[in-house]
Protein backbone atom coordinates (compact mmCIF):
# COMPACT_ATOMS: atom_id res chain seq x y z
CA MET A 1 149.80 96.40 111.39
CA LYS A 2 148.71 93.80 108.82
CA GLN A 3 145.29 92.37 109.56
CA LEU A 4 142.61 90.29 107.94
CA VAL A 5 139.02 89.71 109.05
CA VAL A 6 138.30 86.01 108.61
CA GLY A 7 134.80 85.03 107.53
CA LEU A 8 132.90 82.90 110.03
CA ALA A 9 132.05 79.88 107.95
CA ALA A 10 129.61 77.31 109.26
CA ALA A 11 131.61 74.79 111.25
CA CYS A 12 131.16 71.12 111.94
CA ALA A 13 131.34 70.86 115.71
CA PHE A 14 133.72 68.93 117.86
CA VAL A 15 131.51 66.69 119.99
CA TRP A 16 132.27 65.04 123.30
CA ALA A 17 130.38 63.87 126.34
CA GLY A 18 131.04 66.16 129.25
CA THR A 19 129.40 67.79 132.23
CA ALA A 20 129.47 71.41 133.27
CA SER A 21 131.91 72.44 135.97
CA ALA A 22 132.16 75.70 137.89
CA GLY A 23 133.57 78.31 135.51
CA TRP A 24 133.54 76.09 132.40
CA ASN A 25 130.93 75.01 129.88
CA THR A 26 132.01 71.38 130.02
CA THR A 27 134.62 69.25 131.69
CA VAL A 28 136.45 66.25 130.27
CA PRO A 29 136.88 63.39 132.74
CA LEU A 30 139.44 61.24 130.92
CA ASN A 31 142.82 62.02 132.56
CA GLN A 32 145.63 59.47 132.89
CA VAL A 33 148.90 59.86 134.79
CA ALA A 34 151.67 59.16 132.27
CA SER A 35 154.60 59.46 134.69
CA SER A 36 156.21 56.38 136.14
CA PRO A 37 159.63 55.91 137.78
CA THR A 38 162.59 54.96 135.62
CA GLN A 39 166.37 54.91 135.97
CA GLY A 40 169.25 56.62 134.21
CA GLY A 41 172.41 58.62 134.66
CA GLY A 42 172.32 61.78 136.74
CA TYR A 43 174.14 63.95 139.27
CA PRO A 44 173.58 63.89 143.02
CA ILE A 45 174.33 67.18 144.79
CA PRO A 46 176.82 67.04 147.68
CA ALA A 47 175.61 68.19 151.09
CA GLY A 48 176.11 71.91 151.58
CA SER A 49 176.36 72.60 147.84
CA ASN A 50 173.93 73.51 145.06
CA ALA A 51 176.01 72.35 142.09
CA PRO A 52 177.06 69.04 140.52
CA VAL A 53 180.64 67.84 140.77
CA PRO A 54 182.36 66.42 137.66
CA GLY A 55 182.97 62.70 137.85
CA THR A 56 180.11 61.94 140.25
CA CYS A 57 177.39 61.08 137.71
CA ARG A 58 175.85 57.67 138.46
CA LEU A 59 172.88 55.42 137.77
CA GLY A 60 169.93 56.62 139.82
CA ASN A 61 166.19 57.13 139.99
CA TYR A 62 164.10 59.49 137.92
CA ASN A 63 161.12 59.28 140.25
CA SER A 64 160.35 62.89 141.19
CA ASN A 65 159.17 66.02 139.30
CA ARG A 66 158.25 65.92 135.61
CA SER A 67 158.03 69.59 134.65
CA GLU A 68 157.44 70.84 131.08
CA SER A 69 156.32 68.67 128.20
CA TRP A 70 155.41 68.24 124.56
CA ILE A 71 153.47 65.58 122.68
CA ALA A 72 152.99 64.42 119.09
CA VAL A 73 150.59 62.00 117.44
CA GLU A 74 151.74 59.59 114.74
CA PRO A 75 149.91 60.55 111.52
CA GLY A 76 146.90 58.36 110.76
CA THR A 77 146.89 56.75 114.21
CA GLU A 78 146.14 57.46 117.86
CA ASN A 79 149.71 56.54 118.87
CA LEU A 80 151.54 59.24 120.82
CA VAL A 81 155.02 60.09 121.99
CA GLY A 82 155.34 62.50 124.89
CA VAL A 83 158.52 64.09 126.23
CA SER A 84 159.34 66.09 129.35
CA LYS A 85 162.01 67.03 131.83
CA PHE A 86 162.77 64.14 134.23
CA PHE A 87 164.17 65.44 137.54
CA PHE A 88 166.82 63.30 139.27
CA GLU A 89 166.10 61.70 142.64
CA THR A 90 165.72 64.21 145.50
CA PHE A 91 167.62 67.02 143.74
CA SER A 92 164.83 68.90 141.95
CA THR A 93 165.46 72.04 143.98
CA PHE A 94 168.99 72.12 142.52
CA TYR A 95 167.58 71.95 138.97
CA MET A 96 169.07 68.57 138.08
CA PHE A 97 167.26 66.87 135.20
CA HIS A 98 167.55 65.19 131.82
CA LEU A 99 165.02 64.67 129.04
CA GLY A 100 162.76 61.65 129.05
CA ALA A 101 160.08 60.16 126.80
CA TYR A 102 156.66 58.54 127.24
CA SER A 103 155.53 55.79 124.90
CA ILE A 104 151.74 56.07 124.57
CA PRO A 105 150.40 53.46 122.11
CA ASN A 106 146.77 54.02 121.14
CA GLY A 107 146.40 56.74 123.79
CA SER A 108 147.39 54.55 126.75
CA PRO A 109 150.53 55.63 128.68
CA ALA A 110 153.10 52.86 128.84
CA GLN A 111 156.89 53.02 129.12
CA ASN A 112 158.93 55.96 130.50
CA THR A 113 162.53 56.22 129.21
CA GLN A 114 165.43 58.62 129.80
CA ILE A 115 166.67 60.00 126.45
CA PRO A 116 170.10 58.38 125.98
CA GLY A 117 173.30 59.80 124.55
CA TYR A 118 173.85 62.68 126.97
CA ASP A 119 174.45 61.13 130.40
CA CYS A 120 177.31 59.12 131.88
CA VAL A 121 175.45 55.80 131.91
CA SER A 122 174.22 55.72 128.30
CA THR A 123 177.51 57.15 126.95
CA GLY A 124 179.60 55.02 129.29
CA VAL A 125 181.90 57.89 130.23
CA GLN A 126 182.06 60.84 132.65
CA ASP A 127 183.84 63.05 130.10
CA MET A 128 182.12 66.34 129.20
CA PRO A 129 181.09 65.89 126.41
CA PRO A 130 179.67 63.41 125.51
CA SER A 131 178.24 63.39 129.05
CA TRP A 132 176.41 66.48 130.34
CA THR A 133 174.90 67.46 133.68
CA ASN A 134 171.53 68.35 132.09
CA ASN A 135 169.48 67.90 128.92
CA THR A 136 166.48 70.11 128.28
CA ASP A 137 163.63 71.73 126.30
CA PRO A 138 161.36 68.80 125.30
CA ASN A 139 159.88 68.78 121.78
CA VAL A 140 158.86 66.01 119.39
CA ASP A 141 157.45 65.49 115.90
CA PHE A 142 156.74 62.54 113.57
CA ASP A 143 157.53 61.93 109.92
CA THR A 144 155.20 60.08 107.54
CA GLN A 145 156.90 56.73 108.22
CA GLY A 146 156.37 56.62 111.99
CA ARG A 147 159.77 57.92 113.08
CA ALA A 148 159.67 60.39 116.00
CA TYR A 149 162.35 63.10 116.28
CA GLN A 150 163.41 65.35 119.12
CA ALA A 151 165.85 68.26 119.14
CA THR A 152 167.94 68.20 122.32
CA LEU A 153 169.78 70.82 124.34
CA PRO A 154 172.45 69.18 126.51
CA PHE A 155 174.14 71.72 128.80
CA ASN A 156 176.34 71.92 131.86
CA ALA A 157 175.00 73.55 135.01
CA TYR A 158 175.25 77.29 134.36
CA TRP A 159 175.73 78.22 138.01
CA THR A 160 179.15 76.58 138.32
CA LYS A 161 182.22 76.57 136.09
CA LEU A 162 182.17 73.56 133.79
CA HIS A 163 183.30 73.08 130.21
CA PRO A 164 181.86 73.24 127.62
CA ASN A 165 178.64 75.24 127.91
CA GLY A 166 175.98 73.55 125.76
CA GLY A 167 175.00 72.19 122.37
CA ILE A 168 172.18 71.24 120.01
CA GLY A 169 171.53 67.64 119.02
CA VAL A 170 168.81 65.38 117.61
CA VAL A 171 167.56 61.94 118.60
CA TYR A 172 165.01 59.73 116.86
CA SER A 173 162.89 56.70 117.69
CA ASP A 174 161.24 54.08 115.49
CA ASP A 175 159.24 52.37 118.27
CA LEU A 176 157.09 55.14 119.78
CA GLY A 177 159.77 56.45 122.09
CA ARG A 178 160.82 53.22 123.79
CA HIS A 179 164.35 53.43 122.35
CA TRP A 180 166.22 56.40 120.87
CA ILE A 181 169.21 56.83 118.57
CA VAL A 182 171.38 59.94 118.46
CA GLY A 183 171.05 61.41 114.97
CA ASN A 184 173.59 63.24 112.81
CA GLY A 185 175.96 60.30 113.04
CA GLY A 186 176.08 60.61 116.83
CA GLN A 187 177.42 64.17 116.66
CA LEU A 188 175.98 67.45 117.89
CA ILE A 189 174.61 69.80 115.23
CA ASP A 190 176.02 72.82 117.06
CA HIS A 191 177.90 73.49 120.29
CA LEU A 192 179.81 76.18 122.12
CA SER A 193 183.18 74.46 122.34
CA ASN A 194 185.04 77.48 123.66
CA SER A 195 182.55 78.59 126.30
CA THR A 196 182.26 77.54 129.92
CA SER A 197 178.91 77.11 131.62
CA LEU A 198 179.36 80.40 133.49
CA GLN A 199 179.47 82.45 130.26
CA LEU A 200 175.81 83.44 130.28
CA GLY A 201 176.24 85.75 127.31
CA ASP A 202 177.22 82.82 125.08
CA VAL A 203 174.36 80.33 125.12
CA VAL A 204 172.42 78.09 122.73
CA ASP A 205 168.80 77.72 123.82
CA LYS A 206 165.12 77.33 122.88
CA GLN A 207 165.54 74.69 120.18
CA TRP A 208 162.54 73.19 118.34
CA ILE A 209 161.89 70.59 115.65
CA ALA A 210 159.37 70.12 112.82
CA VAL A 211 159.01 67.51 110.06
CA ASN A 212 157.59 68.03 106.57
CA ARG A 213 154.70 65.56 106.26
CA SER A 214 153.12 67.03 103.13
CA PHE A 215 152.52 64.42 100.41
CA LEU A 216 152.35 67.33 97.94
CA SER A 217 155.89 68.46 98.72
CA PRO A 218 159.19 67.34 97.18
CA TYR A 219 160.64 67.88 100.67
CA ARG A 220 158.50 65.27 102.41
CA ASP A 221 160.12 63.82 105.57
CA HIS A 222 162.76 66.54 105.69
CA VAL A 223 163.52 67.40 109.31
CA TYR A 224 163.99 71.02 110.39
CA VAL A 225 165.69 72.22 113.59
CA MET A 226 165.81 75.85 114.72
CA TRP A 227 167.33 77.39 117.85
CA ALA A 228 168.46 80.67 119.37
CA VAL A 229 172.06 81.75 120.00
CA PHE A 230 172.54 84.34 122.74
CA ASN A 231 175.85 86.21 122.58
CA GLY A 232 175.26 88.93 125.15
CA SER A 233 174.15 91.79 122.90
CA THR A 234 171.93 90.03 120.36
CA VAL A 235 169.96 86.83 119.95
CA GLN A 236 169.96 85.17 116.54
CA ILE A 237 168.09 82.22 115.02
CA LEU A 238 170.02 79.31 113.51
CA PHE A 239 168.69 76.60 111.20
CA SER A 240 169.71 73.10 110.17
CA LYS A 241 167.91 70.39 108.23
CA SER A 242 168.14 66.71 107.43
CA VAL A 243 167.13 65.28 104.05
CA ASP A 244 167.89 61.67 105.05
CA ARG A 245 165.56 61.19 108.04
CA GLY A 246 167.99 62.33 110.70
CA GLN A 247 171.14 60.53 109.61
CA THR A 248 172.94 63.77 108.78
CA PHE A 249 172.16 67.47 109.23
CA SER A 250 173.31 70.50 107.29
CA LYS A 251 175.82 72.95 108.68
CA PRO A 252 173.97 75.50 110.86
CA ARG A 253 173.29 78.83 109.25
CA ARG A 254 171.69 82.03 110.43
CA ILE A 255 168.13 82.80 109.38
CA THR A 256 168.26 86.49 108.47
CA PRO A 257 165.22 88.38 109.77
CA PRO A 258 164.19 91.83 108.52
CA SER A 259 165.78 94.89 110.10
CA GLU A 260 162.48 95.81 111.79
CA LEU A 261 162.90 92.97 114.27
CA GLY A 262 164.59 93.71 117.57
CA LYS A 263 168.05 92.54 118.56
CA SER A 264 166.71 89.62 120.58
CA ASN A 265 164.75 87.04 118.59
CA THR A 266 163.87 83.79 120.32
CA TYR A 267 161.00 81.41 121.18
CA ILE A 268 161.35 79.92 117.71
CA TYR A 269 158.64 77.53 116.48
CA PRO A 270 159.00 75.86 113.05
CA SER A 271 155.87 74.33 111.50
CA VAL A 272 154.92 72.99 108.05
CA ASP A 273 151.58 73.51 106.28
CA ALA A 274 149.58 71.25 103.97
CA ALA A 275 151.55 72.37 100.89
CA GLY A 276 154.90 71.64 102.50
CA ASP A 277 155.86 75.29 103.06
CA LEU A 278 158.02 75.84 106.15
CA TYR A 279 157.17 78.58 108.65
CA ALA A 280 159.04 79.96 111.65
CA ALA A 281 157.39 82.04 114.38
CA VAL A 282 159.55 84.14 116.69
CA GLY A 283 159.15 86.53 119.58
CA SER A 284 161.20 89.68 118.94
CA PHE A 285 162.31 91.41 122.15
CA GLN A 286 164.03 94.68 122.73
CA LYS A 287 167.08 94.29 124.95
CA ASN A 288 166.08 93.55 128.57
CA GLY A 289 162.39 93.72 127.63
CA VAL A 290 159.55 91.45 128.75
CA ASP A 291 157.24 92.14 125.77
CA ALA A 292 157.70 90.57 122.33
CA GLU A 293 156.52 91.51 118.85
CA LEU A 294 155.41 88.36 117.06
CA TRP A 295 156.73 87.67 113.56
CA VAL A 296 156.40 84.74 111.17
CA GLY A 297 158.83 83.75 108.42
CA LYS A 298 157.85 81.64 105.40
CA SER A 299 160.03 79.45 103.21
CA THR A 300 158.88 77.78 100.01
CA ASP A 301 162.31 76.35 99.17
CA ASP A 302 163.00 73.90 102.01
CA GLY A 303 164.42 76.57 104.32
CA GLY A 304 166.74 78.09 101.72
CA SER A 305 165.25 81.56 102.19
CA PHE A 306 162.53 83.16 104.31
CA THR A 307 160.07 85.99 103.75
CA TRP A 308 159.07 87.67 107.02
CA PHE A 309 155.66 88.97 108.08
CA ASP A 310 154.73 91.17 111.02
CA THR A 311 151.63 89.70 112.68
CA GLY A 312 150.91 93.02 114.36
CA ALA A 313 150.52 91.22 117.70
CA LEU A 314 152.38 92.04 120.90
CA ALA A 315 152.83 89.42 123.63
CA LYS A 316 153.26 90.87 127.11
CA GLY A 317 155.00 89.03 129.92
CA THR A 318 154.82 89.54 133.67
CA PRO A 319 157.22 92.04 135.26
CA GLY A 320 160.00 90.14 136.98
CA CYS A 321 160.35 86.39 136.95
CA CYS A 322 157.16 85.24 138.56
CA PHE A 323 153.43 85.58 138.91
CA PRO A 324 152.70 88.07 141.70
CA ASN A 325 150.94 85.77 144.18
CA THR A 326 153.11 82.68 143.77
CA THR A 327 156.80 82.02 143.16
CA PHE A 328 156.69 80.08 139.88
CA ARG A 329 158.11 81.84 136.86
CA ASP A 330 156.28 82.96 133.74
CA GLY A 331 156.90 80.74 130.71
CA ILE A 332 157.29 81.15 126.96
CA LEU A 333 154.98 83.85 125.67
CA GLU A 334 153.66 82.34 122.44
CA ASN A 335 153.00 79.16 120.48
CA PHE A 336 152.41 78.57 116.77
CA ALA A 337 151.08 75.94 114.35
CA ALA A 338 150.49 75.66 110.61
CA SER A 339 147.52 73.73 109.23
CA PRO A 340 148.10 70.24 107.78
CA THR A 341 144.71 70.64 106.06
CA TYR A 342 144.79 74.05 104.34
CA PRO A 343 147.90 75.58 102.74
CA GLY A 344 148.76 78.96 104.23
CA HIS A 345 146.48 78.67 107.26
CA LEU A 346 148.44 79.68 110.35
CA TYR A 347 147.47 79.92 114.03
CA MET A 348 149.16 81.67 116.94
CA ALA A 349 148.24 81.92 120.63
CA TYR A 350 150.04 84.15 123.10
CA GLU A 351 150.06 85.62 126.61
CA TYR A 352 149.00 89.18 127.35
CA TRP A 353 149.63 90.69 130.79
CA ASP A 354 147.43 93.76 131.30
CA GLY A 355 149.08 94.86 134.54
CA THR A 356 146.84 92.88 136.88
CA GLN A 357 146.07 89.60 135.13
CA MET A 358 147.21 87.37 132.26
CA GLU A 359 144.94 86.48 129.35
CA ILE A 360 145.30 84.30 126.25
CA LYS A 361 144.92 85.86 122.81
CA PHE A 362 144.60 84.23 119.39
CA ILE A 363 145.39 85.40 115.86
CA GLN A 364 145.40 83.62 112.50
CA SER A 365 146.22 84.00 108.84
CA VAL A 366 144.67 82.27 105.82
CA ASN A 367 147.13 83.56 103.21
CA GLY A 368 150.50 82.33 104.42
CA GLY A 369 151.21 85.11 106.89
CA GLY A 370 150.68 88.18 104.73
CA LEU A 371 147.53 89.26 106.58
CA TRP A 372 146.49 88.50 110.16
CA THR A 373 143.22 88.76 112.05
CA PRO A 374 142.86 91.18 114.97
CA PRO A 375 143.55 89.39 118.27
CA VAL A 376 140.67 87.83 120.19
CA VAL A 377 140.66 86.69 123.81
CA VAL A 378 140.48 82.90 124.10
CA ASN A 379 139.64 82.49 127.78
CA ASP A 380 135.93 83.05 128.38
CA ASP A 381 135.95 83.41 132.16
CA ALA A 382 134.71 86.53 133.90
CA THR A 383 136.82 86.03 137.01
CA GLY A 384 139.76 88.38 136.47
CA THR A 385 142.14 85.49 137.12
CA ASP A 386 145.28 84.42 135.24
CA GLN A 387 145.30 82.25 132.13
CA PHE A 388 148.79 81.57 130.78
CA GLN A 389 151.24 79.39 128.80
CA PRO A 390 149.06 78.68 125.76
CA SER A 391 149.70 75.84 123.33
CA VAL A 392 148.10 75.70 119.89
CA ALA A 393 147.84 72.63 117.66
CA ALA A 394 146.32 71.82 114.28
CA GLY A 395 145.32 68.41 112.99
CA PRO A 396 143.57 66.66 110.11
CA GLY A 397 140.13 67.71 108.89
CA GLY A 398 140.56 71.34 109.91
CA GLY A 399 140.87 70.59 113.62
CA VAL A 400 142.49 73.38 115.68
CA ALA A 401 142.85 73.66 119.45
CA VAL A 402 144.25 76.10 122.01
CA ALA A 403 144.97 74.91 125.56
CA PHE A 404 146.26 76.93 128.50
CA TYR A 405 146.84 76.87 132.24
CA ASP A 406 143.90 78.44 134.05
CA ARG A 407 143.38 79.84 137.57
CA ARG A 408 139.64 80.59 137.40
CA GLN A 409 138.71 78.02 140.07
CA ALA A 410 139.48 78.53 143.77
CA CYS A 411 141.75 75.99 145.46
CA PRO A 412 139.60 73.06 146.63
CA ALA A 413 139.74 71.26 149.97
CA ASP A 414 141.86 68.33 148.90
CA VAL A 415 144.68 66.38 150.55
CA SER A 416 147.04 67.39 147.72
CA ILE A 417 146.40 71.12 148.32
CA ARG A 418 148.47 72.77 151.04
CA PRO A 419 146.15 73.61 153.99
CA GLN A 420 147.12 77.30 153.81
CA ASP A 421 146.08 77.41 150.14
CA VAL A 422 142.58 75.93 150.43
CA GLY A 423 140.02 78.49 149.26
CA ARG A 424 142.58 80.85 147.73
CA THR A 425 141.58 82.47 144.44
CA ASN A 426 143.76 83.09 141.37
CA PHE A 427 146.23 80.62 142.81
CA CYS A 428 145.67 76.93 141.99
CA ILE A 429 145.76 75.68 138.39
CA ASP A 430 143.66 73.74 135.90
CA THR A 431 144.14 73.18 132.17
CA SER A 432 141.51 74.58 129.80
CA LEU A 433 140.81 73.89 126.13
CA GLN A 434 139.18 75.93 123.39
CA ALA A 435 138.32 73.88 120.30
CA TYR A 436 138.12 75.39 116.81
CA ARG A 437 137.13 74.19 113.37
CA ASP A 438 138.66 75.50 110.17
CA SER A 439 136.44 74.69 107.18
CA GLY A 440 138.56 76.66 104.73
CA ALA A 441 137.79 80.25 105.72
CA GLY A 442 139.67 80.29 109.02
CA ALA A 443 139.36 78.75 112.48
CA VAL A 444 136.02 79.31 114.22
CA PRO A 445 135.53 78.55 117.94
CA VAL A 446 133.31 75.56 118.72
CA GLY A 447 131.51 76.06 122.02
CA GLY A 448 133.28 77.65 124.95
CA ASN A 449 136.22 76.75 127.16
CA THR A 450 136.34 73.16 128.37
CA ARG A 451 138.06 72.03 131.54
CA MET A 452 140.70 69.51 130.42
CA SER A 453 142.03 68.63 133.87
CA THR A 454 140.02 66.45 136.21
CA TYR A 455 141.60 67.98 139.32
CA THR A 456 142.75 71.47 140.30
CA TRP A 457 146.35 71.44 141.54
CA ASP A 458 148.56 73.53 143.80
CA PRO A 459 151.61 75.13 142.10
CA MET A 460 153.38 75.44 145.47
CA GLN A 461 153.63 71.68 145.71
CA PRO A 462 155.72 69.71 146.33
CA ASP A 463 156.15 71.51 149.65
CA GLN A 464 157.59 68.42 151.35
CA HIS A 465 161.15 67.36 152.11
CA VAL A 466 163.03 64.12 151.51
CA GLY A 467 166.27 63.60 153.41
CA GLY A 468 166.01 67.19 154.60
CA ILE A 469 165.98 68.56 151.02
CA GLY A 470 163.05 70.58 149.64
CA GLN A 471 161.40 68.88 146.68
CA MET A 472 160.18 71.88 144.67
CA ALA A 473 161.52 72.02 141.11
CA CYS A 474 163.52 75.25 141.17
CA ALA A 475 165.12 77.13 138.28
CA ALA A 476 166.91 79.23 140.92
CA HIS A 477 168.78 76.03 141.98
CA GLN A 478 168.38 76.79 145.68
CA ASP A 479 166.89 75.28 148.82
CA PRO A 480 164.52 76.61 149.99
CA CYS A 481 163.12 77.67 146.61
CA THR A 482 161.94 81.22 147.30
CA SER A 483 161.77 82.35 143.65
CA ASN A 484 161.77 80.86 140.14
CA ALA A 485 159.88 77.76 141.11
CA PHE A 486 159.48 75.77 137.91
CA ILE A 487 156.27 74.22 136.58
CA GLY A 488 157.62 74.25 133.01
CA ASP A 489 157.72 77.00 130.41
CA TYR A 490 155.13 75.25 128.19
CA PHE A 491 153.12 72.03 127.85
CA GLY A 492 151.96 69.70 125.09
CA LEU A 493 148.92 69.65 122.81
CA ALA A 494 148.15 67.53 119.73
CA VAL A 495 145.16 66.96 117.43
CA SER A 496 144.46 63.64 115.71
CA ALA A 497 141.55 62.59 113.52
CA ALA A 498 139.65 61.35 116.57
CA ASN A 499 140.92 63.25 119.62
CA ILE A 500 142.54 66.32 121.10
CA TYR A 501 145.35 65.36 123.47
CA GLY A 502 146.69 67.54 126.27
CA PHE A 503 149.90 66.68 128.12
CA PHE A 504 150.40 68.83 131.19
CA VAL A 505 151.56 69.11 134.80
CA SER A 506 149.55 68.30 137.91
CA THR A 507 150.57 67.94 141.58
CA HIS A 508 147.27 66.31 142.52
CA TYR A 509 148.51 62.74 142.27
CA PRO A 510 150.56 61.21 145.13
CA SER A 511 153.93 59.67 144.27
CA GLY A 512 155.45 56.54 145.75
CA VAL A 513 158.12 58.60 147.53
CA GLN A 514 157.59 59.20 151.26
CA ALA A 515 158.13 62.68 152.67
CA ASP A 516 160.05 63.50 155.84
CA GLU A 517 156.80 65.02 157.12
CA GLY A 518 154.98 61.73 156.54
CA GLY A 519 152.76 60.70 153.64
CA PRO A 520 153.55 60.84 149.94
CA VAL A 521 155.33 63.65 148.10
CA TYR A 522 153.04 65.46 145.65
CA TYR A 523 155.49 65.79 142.78
CA GLN A 524 154.66 67.43 139.47
CA GLN A 525 153.46 64.61 137.26
CA GLN A 526 152.63 64.54 133.55
CA VAL A 527 148.94 63.93 132.87
CA LEU A 528 147.42 62.92 129.54
CA ALA A 529 143.95 64.31 128.80
CA THR A 530 141.98 62.84 125.91
CA VAL A 531 139.10 64.85 124.42
CA PRO A 532 137.11 63.10 121.68
CA ARG A 533 136.45 65.35 118.68
């Protein structure tokens, strides 16, 4: 195990006005609902079925669940672009969604837009491809000239036989996410042309994007995309880059990890430090395992070669799909960021299941990954409840933040909470933040955990029906959704010069859709939290 003890340098504090809340040191009141209805191409599900039918894609409403998200801030501004899954009409329980974007100029949510280029309406054809039943795994990053990029994963429903299986693409926007153009000359970077959607052993998945914004680097504004390829017995990481701001991308090639890594390497996160060096964090699983050894690769030559470092950390997932007292599934185990302030400063947060509860742990390196600190627990509660799905972000001036979903507070008596859940413990969810400051000797915590979410929300919502169909987002693509309910595998976090931004799910806010049972449906909505530094 390679470790480093980081000196605790005196830190300039993050400061914000906040009041104490039960279980937290402070709470941040500024939450805004970013979700708003929009339209785009999607697949209705025929009565009595759970799968889309080719040729039936049509213009419809994206006015329901908004699970899973990411967010990025335009350098030097407080302008944001958020992205998430947009579920189609009443068919969330059948896992029907595409990617969508949120334009957030100066921190104020504005337009919602379906990402074009992968559905029958924006492509003008039902053919598969270019049209796909789904588009997934939101991610976004900016270059130094204000262009936002997103790596996309269009796929066909994997629970019915369609062709082909899936692919990796890129889109970009020059107007804060209001309009998007398909990059790479309109072509996919990679796809499984000979695989049907039922071939689960042959899958591209877990793609992510990063842009080199270092003014010290000859590779400034180069765009890097990494993803995992599952072929049944192994999982490998592929890499492609653009040196012309997304117009073209290089032929995909395998990133060769050291032999010490397991056969299954996924959850890939590229990030670029202040010097312009490219890093890639991965979770290395043994076959059929739920725990992952965490490794980081470093490239000083624009992704031409990587040197790999063992962080010594082990992320531990829950046994089975889901948290024991609810039906939603566990998400991605780790998240990673490199510092845009200090070359070689790296930060990683990850989940650790101890057999009865989930905690968040944090490690860091100040020498480019060669040495890592021992893990420390981020959540400061004494409740024995679950904290999970951490995100870590680094911004200008040594700003670092870790945010995570948090079940330390009992379910309140609220109209958005199911009556049977009121008062339950280790059940309902908030979002918590731990701020850090890196003054050159490593990230030091500033204060304790802060409550980022204004309201506690119920993960078993929406529990209503519309047209007789359950409205829970469901990775198991079934109605009723008895397992693999989906709140997203991760959520967004970004640090600007002035603020820390969280972008996360809540079912507290009523939608404009009326339930069969009467009253509004409490869909998963994307909420923007703004924490002044």
